[in-house]
Amino acid sequence: MLPQAHPYVVTGNRVEAIFGSKYVAVIGITPKSGDVYQPAVLGKVQRISAALLKTPGVVKENILSFSARRANKWLHETLEAELAAVYDCTRRDYLLRPKIGYAFDDHWNGKLGATLFRGDADTFFGMLRNRSAVYGELR
């Protein structure tokens, strides 16, 4: 068994935290300049998604076309905000995971977040809509 600090374990745990499973394939696209919301980058995501849909053995219902995570820290790293999102270009459904945290001191911190599923009732995330949730944590 690999130690929890091993890069493979760290990556697997992070993928599970963001996508809800360790057993996913992630294809990353990074533009040479600008952000991922450019027509050329989004077009590439759509072409890759379409090619995967045609690939034998791929479970079409499990393909998620676009995901992004943004995080920032402020106030000497005591306040942290994060937004993770997954959007399916084909079915137009999505998952949003906003989270905000604050470190009150060296021993106490709090977090508030949500997991929001949206889409038509016959889409992957749409079927999970009633499982959307808001949570809070104080440690």
N, C-alpha and C. Protein backbone atom coordinates (compact mmCIF):
# COMPACT_ATOMS: atom_id res chain seq x y z
N MET A 1 0.84 -1.18 0.00
CA MET A 1 0.00 0.00 0.00
C MET A 1 0.88 1.24 0.00
N LEU A 2 0.54 2.19 -0.85
CA LEU A 2 1.32 3.42 -0.95
C LEU A 2 0.98 4.36 0.21
N PRO A 3 1.97 5.14 0.68
CA PRO A 3 1.69 6.09 1.76
C PRO A 3 0.78 7.22 1.25
N GLN A 4 0.01 7.81 2.15
CA GLN A 4 -0.94 8.86 1.80
C GLN A 4 -0.27 10.08 1.17
N ALA A 5 1.02 10.29 1.41
CA ALA A 5 1.74 11.44 0.85
C ALA A 5 2.26 11.17 -0.57
N HIS A 6 2.15 9.93 -1.04
CA HIS A 6 2.64 9.59 -2.37
C HIS A 6 1.82 10.36 -3.41
N PRO A 7 2.48 10.90 -4.46
CA PRO A 7 1.76 11.70 -5.47
C PRO A 7 0.57 10.99 -6.11
N TYR A 8 0.66 9.67 -6.34
CA TYR A 8 -0.46 8.94 -6.93
C TYR A 8 -1.65 8.91 -5.97
N VAL A 9 -1.39 8.72 -4.68
CA VAL A 9 -2.45 8.68 -3.68
C VAL A 9 -3.06 10.07 -3.52
N VAL A 10 -2.22 11.09 -3.45
CA VAL A 10 -2.70 12.47 -3.33
C VAL A 10 -3.60 12.82 -4.52
N THR A 11 -3.16 12.48 -5.73
CA THR A 11 -3.94 12.75 -6.93
C THR A 11 -5.26 11.99 -6.92
N GLY A 12 -5.21 10.71 -6.57
CA GLY A 12 -6.43 9.90 -6.50
C GLY A 12 -7.43 10.46 -5.50
N ASN A 13 -6.93 10.87 -4.34
CA ASN A 13 -7.81 11.45 -3.32
C ASN A 13 -8.41 12.77 -3.79
N ARG A 14 -7.63 13.57 -4.49
CA ARG A 14 -8.13 14.87 -4.99
C ARG A 14 -9.18 14.65 -6.08
N VAL A 15 -8.93 13.71 -6.99
CA VAL A 15 -9.90 13.40 -8.04
C VAL A 15 -11.21 12.92 -7.41
N GLU A 16 -11.11 12.08 -6.38
CA GLU A 16 -12.31 11.58 -5.71
C GLU A 16 -13.07 12.72 -5.03
N ALA A 17 -12.36 13.66 -4.42
CA ALA A 17 -13.01 14.79 -3.76
C ALA A 17 -13.75 15.67 -4.76
N ILE A 18 -13.18 15.86 -5.93
CA ILE A 18 -13.79 16.75 -6.93
C ILE A 18 -14.88 16.03 -7.72
N PHE A 19 -14.60 14.80 -8.17
CA PHE A 19 -15.52 14.11 -9.09
C PHE A 19 -16.37 13.03 -8.44
N GLY A 20 -16.12 12.72 -7.17
CA GLY A 20 -16.93 11.73 -6.48
C GLY A 20 -16.49 10.29 -6.69
N SER A 21 -15.37 10.07 -7.40
CA SER A 21 -14.86 8.73 -7.63
C SER A 21 -13.38 8.80 -7.99
N LYS A 22 -12.62 7.79 -7.60
CA LYS A 22 -11.21 7.71 -7.99
C LYS A 22 -11.05 7.07 -9.36
N TYR A 23 -12.10 6.42 -9.84
CA TYR A 23 -12.01 5.63 -11.04
C TYR A 23 -12.53 6.40 -12.25
N VAL A 24 -11.81 7.44 -12.60
CA VAL A 24 -12.16 8.27 -13.75
C VAL A 24 -10.90 8.53 -14.57
N ALA A 25 -11.10 8.80 -15.82
CA ALA A 25 -9.99 9.26 -16.68
C ALA A 25 -10.19 10.76 -16.86
N VAL A 26 -9.14 11.51 -16.66
CA VAL A 26 -9.21 12.96 -16.78
C VAL A 26 -8.32 13.40 -17.93
N ILE A 27 -8.89 14.14 -18.86
CA ILE A 27 -8.13 14.70 -19.98
C ILE A 27 -8.05 16.20 -19.73
N GLY A 28 -6.86 16.71 -19.54
CA GLY A 28 -6.69 18.13 -19.25
C GLY A 28 -6.26 18.91 -20.48
N ILE A 29 -6.86 20.06 -20.66
CA ILE A 29 -6.50 20.96 -21.77
C ILE A 29 -6.17 22.31 -21.16
N THR A 30 -4.98 22.81 -21.45
CA THR A 30 -4.55 24.11 -20.94
C THR A 30 -4.17 24.99 -22.11
N PRO A 31 -4.82 26.15 -22.26
CA PRO A 31 -4.48 27.04 -23.37
C PRO A 31 -3.09 27.66 -23.17
N LYS A 32 -2.43 28.00 -24.27
CA LYS A 32 -1.11 28.64 -24.19
C LYS A 32 -1.22 30.04 -23.63
N SER A 33 -2.37 30.70 -23.86
CA SER A 33 -2.61 32.02 -23.28
C SER A 33 -4.11 32.17 -23.05
N GLY A 34 -4.46 33.04 -22.13
CA GLY A 34 -5.86 33.26 -21.82
C GLY A 34 -6.42 32.15 -20.96
N ASP A 35 -7.75 32.09 -20.88
CA ASP A 35 -8.40 31.07 -20.06
C ASP A 35 -9.06 30.01 -20.93
N VAL A 36 -9.72 29.06 -20.29
CA VAL A 36 -10.31 27.94 -21.02
C VAL A 36 -11.63 28.29 -21.70
N TYR A 37 -12.15 29.49 -21.46
CA TYR A 37 -13.46 29.86 -21.98
C TYR A 37 -13.39 30.46 -23.39
N GLN A 38 -12.31 30.24 -24.09
CA GLN A 38 -12.16 30.72 -25.46
C GLN A 38 -12.84 29.74 -26.42
N PRO A 39 -13.41 30.26 -27.52
CA PRO A 39 -14.09 29.37 -28.48
C PRO A 39 -13.20 28.22 -28.98
N ALA A 40 -11.92 28.47 -29.21
CA ALA A 40 -11.03 27.41 -29.71
C ALA A 40 -10.88 26.29 -28.68
N VAL A 41 -10.74 26.66 -27.41
CA VAL A 41 -10.57 25.65 -26.36
C VAL A 41 -11.88 24.88 -26.16
N LEU A 42 -13.00 25.59 -26.09
CA LEU A 42 -14.28 24.92 -25.91
C LEU A 42 -14.61 24.02 -27.11
N GLY A 43 -14.23 24.45 -28.31
CA GLY A 43 -14.41 23.62 -29.49
C GLY A 43 -13.61 22.34 -29.40
N LYS A 44 -12.39 22.44 -28.90
CA LYS A 44 -11.55 21.24 -28.73
C LYS A 44 -12.19 20.29 -27.72
N VAL A 45 -12.73 20.83 -26.62
CA VAL A 45 -13.41 20.00 -25.63
C VAL A 45 -14.58 19.26 -26.27
N GLN A 46 -15.36 19.97 -27.09
CA GLN A 46 -16.50 19.33 -27.77
C GLN A 46 -16.03 18.24 -28.73
N ARG A 47 -14.94 18.47 -29.47
CA ARG A 47 -14.44 17.46 -30.41
C ARG A 47 -13.94 16.22 -29.67
N ILE A 48 -13.23 16.43 -28.57
CA ILE A 48 -12.74 15.29 -27.78
C ILE A 48 -13.93 14.52 -27.21
N SER A 49 -14.92 15.24 -26.68
CA SER A 49 -16.11 14.58 -26.12
C SER A 49 -16.83 13.78 -27.19
N ALA A 50 -16.98 14.34 -28.38
CA ALA A 50 -17.66 13.64 -29.48
C ALA A 50 -16.90 12.39 -29.88
N ALA A 51 -15.55 12.48 -29.92
CA ALA A 51 -14.74 11.31 -30.27
C ALA A 51 -14.86 10.22 -29.20
N LEU A 52 -14.89 10.61 -27.93
CA LEU A 52 -15.06 9.63 -26.87
C LEU A 52 -16.41 8.94 -26.95
N LEU A 53 -17.44 9.68 -27.33
CA LEU A 53 -18.77 9.10 -27.46
C LEU A 53 -18.80 7.99 -28.52
N LYS A 54 -17.92 8.08 -29.52
CA LYS A 54 -17.87 7.09 -30.60
C LYS A 54 -16.93 5.93 -30.29
N THR A 55 -16.21 6.00 -29.18
CA THR A 55 -15.22 5.00 -28.84
C THR A 55 -15.88 3.75 -28.25
N PRO A 56 -15.60 2.57 -28.83
CA PRO A 56 -16.20 1.33 -28.31
C PRO A 56 -15.79 1.10 -26.85
N GLY A 57 -16.74 0.66 -26.04
CA GLY A 57 -16.47 0.35 -24.65
C GLY A 57 -16.64 1.52 -23.69
N VAL A 58 -16.77 2.72 -24.22
CA VAL A 58 -16.96 3.89 -23.37
C VAL A 58 -18.42 3.96 -22.94
N VAL A 59 -18.66 4.14 -21.66
CA VAL A 59 -20.02 4.28 -21.15
C VAL A 59 -20.44 5.73 -21.39
N LYS A 60 -21.24 5.91 -22.40
CA LYS A 60 -21.60 7.25 -22.86
C LYS A 60 -22.24 8.11 -21.77
N GLU A 61 -23.03 7.50 -20.91
CA GLU A 61 -23.71 8.25 -19.86
C GLU A 61 -22.75 8.82 -18.82
N ASN A 62 -21.52 8.32 -18.78
CA ASN A 62 -20.57 8.76 -17.76
C ASN A 62 -19.56 9.79 -18.26
N ILE A 63 -19.68 10.21 -19.51
CA ILE A 63 -18.75 11.21 -20.04
C ILE A 63 -19.15 12.60 -19.56
N LEU A 64 -18.21 13.29 -18.94
CA LEU A 64 -18.42 14.67 -18.49
C LEU A 64 -17.51 15.53 -19.35
N SER A 65 -18.08 16.49 -20.03
CA SER A 65 -17.35 17.18 -21.07
C SER A 65 -16.40 18.28 -20.60
N PHE A 66 -16.72 18.94 -19.51
CA PHE A 66 -15.91 20.10 -19.16
C PHE A 66 -15.90 20.26 -17.65
N SER A 67 -14.74 20.43 -17.10
CA SER A 67 -14.67 20.69 -15.67
C SER A 67 -13.61 21.74 -15.39
N ALA A 68 -13.81 22.45 -14.30
CA ALA A 68 -12.86 23.49 -13.92
C ALA A 68 -12.89 23.65 -12.41
N ARG A 69 -11.79 24.08 -11.86
CA ARG A 69 -11.71 24.37 -10.43
C ARG A 69 -10.93 25.66 -10.26
N ARG A 70 -11.49 26.56 -9.51
CA ARG A 70 -10.82 27.81 -9.19
C ARG A 70 -10.79 27.95 -7.68
N ALA A 71 -9.66 28.34 -7.14
CA ALA A 71 -9.54 28.54 -5.69
C ALA A 71 -8.64 29.74 -5.45
N ASN A 72 -8.93 30.44 -4.39
CA ASN A 72 -8.13 31.60 -4.02
C ASN A 72 -8.11 31.74 -2.51
N LYS A 73 -7.06 32.38 -2.00
CA LYS A 73 -6.94 32.66 -0.57
C LYS A 73 -6.69 34.15 -0.39
N TRP A 74 -7.27 34.69 0.69
CA TRP A 74 -7.10 36.10 1.02
C TRP A 74 -6.88 36.24 2.52
N LEU A 75 -6.64 37.48 2.93
CA LEU A 75 -6.48 37.82 4.35
C LEU A 75 -5.42 36.93 5.02
N HIS A 76 -4.23 36.97 4.45
CA HIS A 76 -3.11 36.17 4.97
C HIS A 76 -3.46 34.68 5.03
N GLU A 77 -4.15 34.22 4.00
CA GLU A 77 -4.54 32.82 3.82
C GLU A 77 -5.50 32.30 4.89
N THR A 78 -6.25 33.21 5.53
CA THR A 78 -7.26 32.75 6.50
C THR A 78 -8.62 32.54 5.84
N LEU A 79 -8.86 33.22 4.72
CA LEU A 79 -10.12 33.09 4.00
C LEU A 79 -9.84 32.40 2.67
N GLU A 80 -10.58 31.33 2.41
CA GLU A 80 -10.37 30.58 1.17
C GLU A 80 -11.71 30.32 0.50
N ALA A 81 -11.75 30.51 -0.81
CA ALA A 81 -12.95 30.22 -1.59
C ALA A 81 -12.58 29.30 -2.74
N GLU A 82 -13.48 28.40 -3.08
CA GLU A 82 -13.24 27.45 -4.16
C GLU A 82 -14.54 27.19 -4.90
N LEU A 83 -14.42 27.03 -6.20
CA LEU A 83 -15.56 26.64 -7.02
C LEU A 83 -15.09 25.54 -7.97
N ALA A 84 -15.73 24.40 -7.88
CA ALA A 84 -15.47 23.31 -8.82
C ALA A 84 -16.74 23.12 -9.64
N ALA A 85 -16.58 22.90 -10.93
CA ALA A 85 -17.75 22.76 -11.81
C ALA A 85 -17.47 21.69 -12.86
N VAL A 86 -18.53 20.97 -13.20
CA VAL A 86 -18.47 19.99 -14.29
C VAL A 86 -19.67 20.28 -15.18
N TYR A 87 -19.42 20.45 -16.47
CA TYR A 87 -20.48 20.76 -17.42
C TYR A 87 -20.42 19.78 -18.58
N ASP A 88 -21.56 19.22 -18.93
CA ASP A 88 -21.62 18.30 -20.06
C ASP A 88 -22.13 19.07 -21.28
N CYS A 89 -21.25 19.26 -22.25
CA CYS A 89 -21.59 20.01 -23.46
C CYS A 89 -22.66 19.31 -24.28
N THR A 90 -22.74 18.00 -24.20
CA THR A 90 -23.68 17.24 -25.00
C THR A 90 -25.09 17.30 -24.41
N ARG A 91 -25.21 17.03 -23.13
CA ARG A 91 -26.54 16.98 -22.50
C ARG A 91 -26.92 18.28 -21.79
N ARG A 92 -25.98 19.20 -21.65
CA ARG A 92 -26.20 20.50 -21.02
C ARG A 92 -26.68 20.38 -19.57
N ASP A 93 -26.07 19.47 -18.82
CA ASP A 93 -26.32 19.39 -17.39
C ASP A 93 -25.01 19.67 -16.67
N TYR A 94 -25.10 19.97 -15.37
CA TYR A 94 -23.87 20.36 -14.68
C TYR A 94 -23.93 20.11 -13.19
N LEU A 95 -22.74 20.14 -12.60
CA LEU A 95 -22.52 20.03 -11.16
C LEU A 95 -21.72 21.24 -10.73
N LEU A 96 -22.15 21.91 -9.67
CA LEU A 96 -21.39 23.02 -9.08
C LEU A 96 -21.08 22.68 -7.63
N ARG A 97 -19.83 22.96 -7.21
CA ARG A 97 -19.44 22.72 -5.82
C ARG A 97 -18.73 23.95 -5.27
N PRO A 98 -19.48 24.97 -4.85
CA PRO A 98 -18.86 26.13 -4.21
C PRO A 98 -18.51 25.82 -2.76
N LYS A 99 -17.43 26.43 -2.28
CA LYS A 99 -17.01 26.21 -0.89
C LYS A 99 -16.26 27.45 -0.41
N ILE A 100 -16.51 27.84 0.82
CA ILE A 100 -15.77 28.94 1.43
C ILE A 100 -15.33 28.50 2.82
N GLY A 101 -14.11 28.86 3.19
CA GLY A 101 -13.59 28.48 4.49
C GLY A 101 -12.88 29.63 5.16
N TYR A 102 -12.88 29.62 6.47
CA TYR A 102 -12.20 30.67 7.22
C TYR A 102 -11.49 30.06 8.42
N ALA A 103 -10.22 30.43 8.61
CA ALA A 103 -9.44 29.97 9.76
C ALA A 103 -9.54 31.06 10.84
N PHE A 104 -10.27 30.76 11.90
CA PHE A 104 -10.45 31.73 12.97
C PHE A 104 -9.17 31.93 13.77
N ASP A 105 -8.44 30.86 13.97
CA ASP A 105 -7.12 30.90 14.61
C ASP A 105 -6.39 29.61 14.23
N ASP A 106 -5.32 29.31 14.92
CA ASP A 106 -4.54 28.11 14.59
C ASP A 106 -5.28 26.80 14.88
N HIS A 107 -6.32 26.86 15.68
CA HIS A 107 -7.01 25.63 16.10
C HIS A 107 -8.44 25.51 15.57
N TRP A 108 -9.07 26.60 15.17
CA TRP A 108 -10.46 26.58 14.74
C TRP A 108 -10.62 27.10 13.33
N ASN A 109 -11.36 26.33 12.52
CA ASN A 109 -11.71 26.81 11.18
C ASN A 109 -13.12 26.33 10.84
N GLY A 110 -13.72 27.05 9.93
CA GLY A 110 -15.07 26.70 9.51
C GLY A 110 -15.17 26.66 8.00
N LYS A 111 -16.09 25.85 7.50
CA LYS A 111 -16.32 25.75 6.06
C LYS A 111 -17.82 25.74 5.82
N LEU A 112 -18.21 26.32 4.70
CA LEU A 112 -19.58 26.29 4.24
C LEU A 112 -19.54 25.99 2.75
N GLY A 113 -20.34 25.06 2.31
CA GLY A 113 -20.29 24.70 0.90
C GLY A 113 -21.59 24.08 0.43
N ALA A 114 -21.60 23.71 -0.82
CA ALA A 114 -22.78 23.09 -1.41
C ALA A 114 -22.37 22.17 -2.55
N THR A 115 -23.22 21.22 -2.84
CA THR A 115 -23.11 20.39 -4.03
C THR A 115 -24.43 20.54 -4.76
N LEU A 116 -24.39 21.13 -5.95
CA LEU A 116 -25.61 21.44 -6.69
C LEU A 116 -25.62 20.71 -8.02
N PHE A 117 -26.63 19.89 -8.24
CA PHE A 117 -26.81 19.18 -9.50
C PHE A 117 -27.94 19.85 -10.27
N ARG A 118 -27.74 20.09 -11.57
CA ARG A 118 -28.76 20.71 -12.40
C ARG A 118 -28.77 20.08 -13.79
N GLY A 119 -29.94 20.07 -14.41
CA GLY A 119 -30.10 19.55 -15.76
C GLY A 119 -31.50 18.99 -15.93
N ASP A 120 -31.84 18.63 -17.15
CA ASP A 120 -33.13 18.00 -17.41
C ASP A 120 -33.21 16.67 -16.68
N ALA A 121 -34.42 16.22 -16.40
CA ALA A 121 -34.64 15.02 -15.60
C ALA A 121 -34.01 13.76 -16.21
N ASP A 122 -33.78 13.74 -17.52
CA ASP A 122 -33.21 12.54 -18.16
C ASP A 122 -31.70 12.62 -18.33
N THR A 123 -31.04 13.61 -17.72
CA THR A 123 -29.58 13.74 -17.80
C THR A 123 -28.94 13.21 -16.52
N PHE A 124 -27.65 12.94 -16.56
CA PHE A 124 -26.93 12.38 -15.41
C PHE A 124 -27.07 13.26 -14.18
N PHE A 125 -26.71 14.54 -14.30
CA PHE A 125 -26.79 15.44 -13.14
C PHE A 125 -28.22 15.83 -12.83
N GLY A 126 -29.07 15.90 -13.86
CA GLY A 126 -30.48 16.19 -13.63
C GLY A 126 -31.15 15.14 -12.76
N MET A 127 -30.79 13.87 -12.97
CA MET A 127 -31.35 12.79 -12.16
C MET A 127 -30.93 12.90 -10.70
N LEU A 128 -29.81 13.58 -10.44
CA LEU A 128 -29.30 13.72 -9.07
C LEU A 128 -29.75 15.03 -8.42
N ARG A 129 -30.57 15.80 -9.10
CA ARG A 129 -30.97 17.13 -8.62
C ARG A 129 -31.48 17.09 -7.17
N ASN A 130 -32.27 16.09 -6.81
CA ASN A 130 -32.81 16.04 -5.46
C ASN A 130 -31.75 15.63 -4.42
N ARG A 131 -30.54 15.34 -4.87
CA ARG A 131 -29.43 15.04 -3.96
C ARG A 131 -28.53 16.25 -3.73
N SER A 132 -28.90 17.40 -4.29
CA SER A 132 -28.16 18.63 -4.02
C SER A 132 -28.19 18.88 -2.52
N ALA A 133 -27.11 19.47 -2.01
CA ALA A 133 -27.02 19.66 -0.56
C ALA A 133 -26.15 20.87 -0.22
N VAL A 134 -26.40 21.41 0.94
CA VAL A 134 -25.59 22.48 1.53
C VAL A 134 -25.01 21.88 2.82
N TYR A 135 -23.76 22.23 3.13
CA TYR A 135 -23.15 21.69 4.34
C TYR A 135 -22.32 22.76 5.05
N GLY A 136 -22.11 22.53 6.33
CA GLY A 136 -21.25 23.38 7.13
C GLY A 136 -20.37 22.53 8.01
N GLU A 137 -19.22 23.07 8.37
CA GLU A 137 -18.27 22.31 9.18
C GLU A 137 -17.52 23.28 10.08
N LEU A 138 -17.36 22.91 11.33
CA LEU A 138 -16.57 23.68 12.27
C LEU A 138 -15.63 22.73 12.97
N ARG A 139 -14.33 23.03 12.91
CA ARG A 139 -13.31 22.15 13.54
C ARG A 139 -12.44 22.95 14.46
